Amino acid sequence: MYSSLIGKVEKANRYTEERDRFSFTEFTVRVRGDNNEHVVTFKDGEWRCDCDFFTIYGLCSHGMALERILGEMVPAKMTFADMVKARTGTALP
């Protein structure tokens, strides 16, 4: 019993180091912004946020933060960094 559990814990530890094993397809996250709470969703490779800035510009700090946290585990059709560069000619740091 315990030996099989130990094996599972060891496998889980290995998986956490191999992030390319994971790929999110869709999810919803609540983000506590400076002024309000916002809902950010990811589905079919596209981000959405209920904040006014996203509605106008198609990107926002809430989604960009999540994209940075999750990294390559989120296979976006176009990353926020790509969008910013396309619109401004400037790369995000």
Protein backbone atom coordinates (compact mmCIF):
# COMPACT_ATOMS: atom_id res chain seq x y z
CA MET A 1 0.00 0.00 0.00
CA TYR A 2 2.51 2.60 1.14
CA SER A 3 5.12 1.64 -1.46
CA SER A 4 2.63 2.28 -4.27
CA LEU A 5 1.66 5.60 -2.68
CA ILE A 6 5.32 6.60 -2.42
CA GLY A 7 5.68 5.77 -6.12
CA LYS A 8 2.74 8.03 -6.95
CA VAL A 9 4.19 10.91 -4.93
CA GLU A 10 7.53 10.50 -6.69
CA LYS A 11 5.79 10.47 -10.08
CA ALA A 12 3.83 13.61 -9.16
CA ASN A 13 7.06 15.34 -8.14
CA ARG A 14 8.62 14.42 -11.49
CA TYR A 15 5.56 15.68 -13.37
CA THR A 16 5.77 19.07 -11.66
CA GLU A 17 9.24 19.48 -13.16
CA GLU A 18 8.00 18.48 -16.63
CA ARG A 19 5.44 21.18 -17.32
CA ASP A 20 5.27 20.34 -21.00
CA ARG A 21 3.16 17.33 -19.96
CA PHE A 22 0.28 19.69 -19.15
CA SER A 23 -1.87 21.69 -21.52
CA PHE A 24 -4.96 23.63 -20.51
CA THR A 25 -7.83 23.59 -23.00
CA GLU A 26 -10.30 25.78 -21.13
CA PHE A 27 -10.77 27.34 -17.71
CA THR A 28 -12.26 30.26 -15.81
CA VAL A 29 -10.38 32.28 -13.19
CA ARG A 30 -11.48 35.08 -10.89
CA VAL A 31 -8.85 37.80 -10.59
CA ARG A 32 -8.94 40.35 -7.77
CA GLY A 33 -7.86 43.53 -9.57
CA ASP A 34 -6.93 46.81 -7.94
CA ASN A 35 -10.48 48.12 -8.34
CA ASN A 36 -12.76 45.14 -8.99
CA GLU A 37 -12.86 41.40 -9.30
CA HIS A 38 -12.77 40.17 -12.91
CA VAL A 39 -13.50 36.88 -14.61
CA VAL A 40 -10.91 35.69 -17.13
CA THR A 41 -11.66 32.72 -19.35
CA PHE A 42 -9.58 30.69 -21.76
CA LYS A 43 -11.29 28.53 -24.37
CA ASP A 44 -10.31 27.26 -27.82
CA GLY A 45 -6.96 29.05 -27.64
CA GLU A 46 -8.48 32.46 -26.91
CA TRP A 47 -8.55 34.66 -23.83
CA ARG A 48 -11.53 36.70 -22.62
CA CYS A 49 -11.93 39.05 -19.67
CA ASP A 50 -14.99 40.91 -18.43
CA CYS A 51 -13.04 44.13 -17.74
CA ASP A 52 -13.70 47.28 -19.76
CA PHE A 53 -10.11 47.47 -21.04
CA PHE A 54 -10.35 44.01 -22.60
CA THR A 55 -13.68 44.89 -24.21
CA ILE A 56 -12.06 47.87 -25.94
CA TYR A 57 -8.53 46.60 -26.69
CA GLY A 58 -8.80 42.80 -26.68
CA LEU A 59 -6.12 42.43 -24.01
CA CYS A 60 -5.69 43.36 -20.36
CA SER A 61 -3.42 43.04 -17.34
CA HIS A 62 -5.56 40.26 -15.84
CA GLY A 63 -5.14 37.94 -18.81
CA MET A 64 -1.49 38.90 -19.33
CA ALA A 65 -0.73 38.02 -15.71
CA LEU A 66 -2.39 34.60 -16.05
CA GLU A 67 -0.56 33.95 -19.28
CA ARG A 68 2.76 34.69 -17.57
CA ILE A 69 1.90 32.50 -14.58
CA LEU A 70 0.83 29.52 -16.71
CA GLY A 71 3.43 29.95 -19.45
CA GLU A 72 3.53 27.36 -22.19
CA MET A 73 0.87 25.22 -20.50
CA VAL A 74 -1.69 27.46 -22.24
CA PRO A 75 -1.61 26.99 -26.02
CA ALA A 76 -3.02 30.36 -27.09
CA LYS A 77 -3.64 31.11 -30.76
CA MET A 78 -1.92 34.43 -30.15
CA THR A 79 -0.26 35.41 -26.90
CA PHE A 80 -0.77 38.80 -25.30
CA ALA A 81 2.92 39.48 -25.94
CA ASP A 82 2.30 38.83 -29.67
CA MET A 83 -0.71 41.18 -29.62
CA VAL A 84 1.22 43.98 -27.91
CA LYS A 85 4.13 43.64 -30.34
CA ALA A 86 1.79 43.58 -33.36
CA ARG A 87 -0.03 46.71 -32.20
CA THR A 88 2.87 48.77 -30.86
CA GLY A 89 6.00 47.30 -32.42
CA THR A 90 7.40 46.91 -28.90
CA ALA A 91 8.09 43.58 -27.20
CA LEU A 92 7.00 42.98 -23.61
CA PRO A 93 9.85 42.56 -21.12
